[in-house]
């Protein structure tokens, strides 16, 4: 997995959080200091993934995606 960048709001460290979501799991990023949360990526089910249909999204794929989105966000 990639290393997480600091929080865009407070500059503190963040962590990836795994949680259950009905019949699948999901990953989000949460700041350790201010508590801001980055949206969830779902794993453990078939879905459209990167433009392709019926792809089984693994835990690794979902975690890598949420980290990539967090690290490539735009700070304002």
C-alpha atoms as a PDB file:
ATOM      1  CA  UNK A   1       0.000   0.000   0.000  1.00  0.00           C
ATOM      2  CA  UNK A   2       0.976   3.587  -0.547  1.00  0.00           C
ATOM      3  CA  UNK A   3       1.893   5.943   2.267  1.00  0.00           C
ATOM      4  CA  UNK A   4      -0.801   8.448   3.290  1.00  0.00           C
ATOM      5  CA  UNK A   5      -0.193  12.165   2.976  1.00  0.00           C
ATOM      6  CA  UNK A   6      -1.043  14.495   5.854  1.00  0.00           C
ATOM      7  CA  UNK A   7      -4.552  15.875   6.380  1.00  0.00           C
ATOM      8  CA  UNK A   8      -5.315  18.779   4.004  1.00  0.00           C
ATOM      9  CA  UNK A   9      -7.227  20.620   6.745  1.00  0.00           C
ATOM     10  CA  UNK A  10      -4.923  20.471   9.774  1.00  0.00           C
ATOM     11  CA  UNK A  11      -1.673  18.922   8.475  1.00  0.00           C
ATOM     12  CA  UNK A  12      -1.685  16.039  10.973  1.00  0.00           C
ATOM     13  CA  UNK A  13      -1.351  12.323  10.215  1.00  0.00           C
ATOM     14  CA  UNK A  14      -4.222  10.158   8.995  1.00  0.00           C
ATOM     15  CA  UNK A  15      -5.025   6.450   9.001  1.00  0.00           C
ATOM     16  CA  UNK A  16      -6.952   4.041   6.840  1.00  0.00           C
ATOM     17  CA  UNK A  17     -10.000   2.594   8.566  1.00  0.00           C
ATOM     18  CA  UNK A  18     -11.679  -0.681   7.581  1.00  0.00           C
ATOM     19  CA  UNK A  19     -15.305  -1.277   8.464  1.00  0.00           C
ATOM     20  CA  UNK A  20     -18.127  -3.623   7.561  1.00  0.00           C
ATOM     21  CA  UNK A  21     -20.820  -2.435   5.197  1.00  0.00           C
ATOM     22  CA  UNK A  22     -23.788  -4.818   4.952  1.00  0.00           C
ATOM     23  CA  UNK A  23     -22.361  -7.839   3.082  1.00  0.00           C
ATOM     24  CA  UNK A  24     -19.043  -6.266   2.156  1.00  0.00           C
ATOM     25  CA  UNK A  25     -16.259  -4.185   3.674  1.00  0.00           C
ATOM     26  CA  UNK A  26     -15.291  -0.603   3.091  1.00  0.00           C
ATOM     27  CA  UNK A  27     -12.268   1.606   3.583  1.00  0.00           C
ATOM     28  CA  UNK A  28     -12.032   5.294   4.401  1.00  0.00           C
ATOM     29  CA  UNK A  29      -9.324   7.682   5.566  1.00  0.00           C
ATOM     30  CA  UNK A  30      -9.662   9.469   8.905  1.00  0.00           C
ATOM     31  CA  UNK A  31      -7.492  12.259  10.307  1.00  0.00           C
ATOM     32  CA  UNK A  32      -6.056  11.439  13.735  1.00  0.00           C
ATOM     33  CA  UNK A  33      -6.380  15.041  14.914  1.00  0.00           C
ATOM     34  CA  UNK A  34      -9.342  16.920  13.422  1.00  0.00           C
ATOM     35  CA  UNK A  35     -11.423  13.820  12.602  1.00  0.00           C
ATOM     36  CA  UNK A  36     -12.109  14.655   8.959  1.00  0.00           C
ATOM     37  CA  UNK A  37     -13.104  11.558   6.999  1.00  0.00           C
ATOM     38  CA  UNK A  38     -12.520  10.825   3.322  1.00  0.00           C
ATOM     39  CA  UNK A  39     -15.260   8.914   1.468  1.00  0.00           C
ATOM     40  CA  UNK A  40     -15.612   5.176   1.564  1.00  0.00           C
ATOM     41  CA  UNK A  41     -14.426   2.692  -1.065  1.00  0.00           C
ATOM     42  CA  UNK A  42     -16.292  -0.627  -1.056  1.00  0.00           C
ATOM     43  CA  UNK A  43     -14.686  -4.062  -1.422  1.00  0.00           C
ATOM     44  CA  UNK A  44     -15.902  -7.651  -1.423  1.00  0.00           C
ATOM     45  CA  UNK A  45     -18.462  -7.379  -4.183  1.00  0.00           C
ATOM     46  CA  UNK A  46     -18.888  -7.278  -7.938  1.00  0.00           C
ATOM     47  CA  UNK A  47     -19.271  -3.777  -9.316  1.00  0.00           C
ATOM     48  CA  UNK A  48     -18.177  -1.387 -12.016  1.00  0.00           C
ATOM     49  CA  UNK A  49     -14.514  -0.665 -11.398  1.00  0.00           C
ATOM     50  CA  UNK A  50     -12.393   1.710 -13.440  1.00  0.00           C
ATOM     51  CA  UNK A  51     -14.823   1.573 -16.337  1.00  0.00           C
ATOM     52  CA  UNK A  52     -15.226  -2.217 -16.455  1.00  0.00           C
ATOM     53  CA  UNK A  53     -18.354  -4.068 -15.367  1.00  0.00           C
ATOM     54  CA  UNK A  54     -18.672  -7.048 -13.024  1.00  0.00           C
ATOM     55  CA  UNK A  55     -15.207  -6.798 -11.503  1.00  0.00           C
ATOM     56  CA  UNK A  56     -14.763  -8.347  -8.063  1.00  0.00           C
ATOM     57  CA  UNK A  57     -13.180  -5.570  -5.994  1.00  0.00           C
ATOM     58  CA  UNK A  58     -10.731  -7.003  -3.476  1.00  0.00           C
ATOM     59  CA  UNK A  59      -9.744  -5.440  -0.161  1.00  0.00           C
ATOM     60  CA  UNK A  60      -6.387  -4.469  -1.629  1.00  0.00           C
ATOM     61  CA  UNK A  61      -7.977  -2.760  -4.647  1.00  0.00           C
ATOM     62  CA  UNK A  62     -10.374  -0.725  -2.475  1.00  0.00           C
ATOM     63  CA  UNK A  63      -7.666   0.271   0.015  1.00  0.00           C
ATOM     64  CA  UNK A  64      -5.274   1.310  -2.768  1.00  0.00           C
ATOM     65  CA  UNK A  65      -8.014   3.373  -4.415  1.00  0.00           C
ATOM     66  CA  UNK A  66      -8.987   5.291  -1.286  1.00  0.00           C
ATOM     67  CA  UNK A  67      -5.306   5.992  -0.502  1.00  0.00           C
ATOM     68  CA  UNK A  68      -4.684   7.164  -4.063  1.00  0.00           C
ATOM     69  CA  UNK A  69      -7.720   9.477  -3.950  1.00  0.00           C
ATOM     70  CA  UNK A  70      -6.656  10.880  -0.552  1.00  0.00           C
ATOM     71  CA  UNK A  71      -3.109  11.496  -1.717  1.00  0.00           C
ATOM     72  CA  UNK A  72      -4.224  13.160  -4.971  1.00  0.00           C
ATOM     73  CA  UNK A  73      -6.896  15.444  -3.518  1.00  0.00           C
ATOM     74  CA  UNK A  74      -6.761  19.180  -4.067  1.00  0.00           C
ATOM     75  CA  UNK A  75      -6.216  21.365  -1.016  1.00  0.00           C
ATOM     76  CA  UNK A  76      -7.962  24.731  -1.018  1.00  0.00           C
END
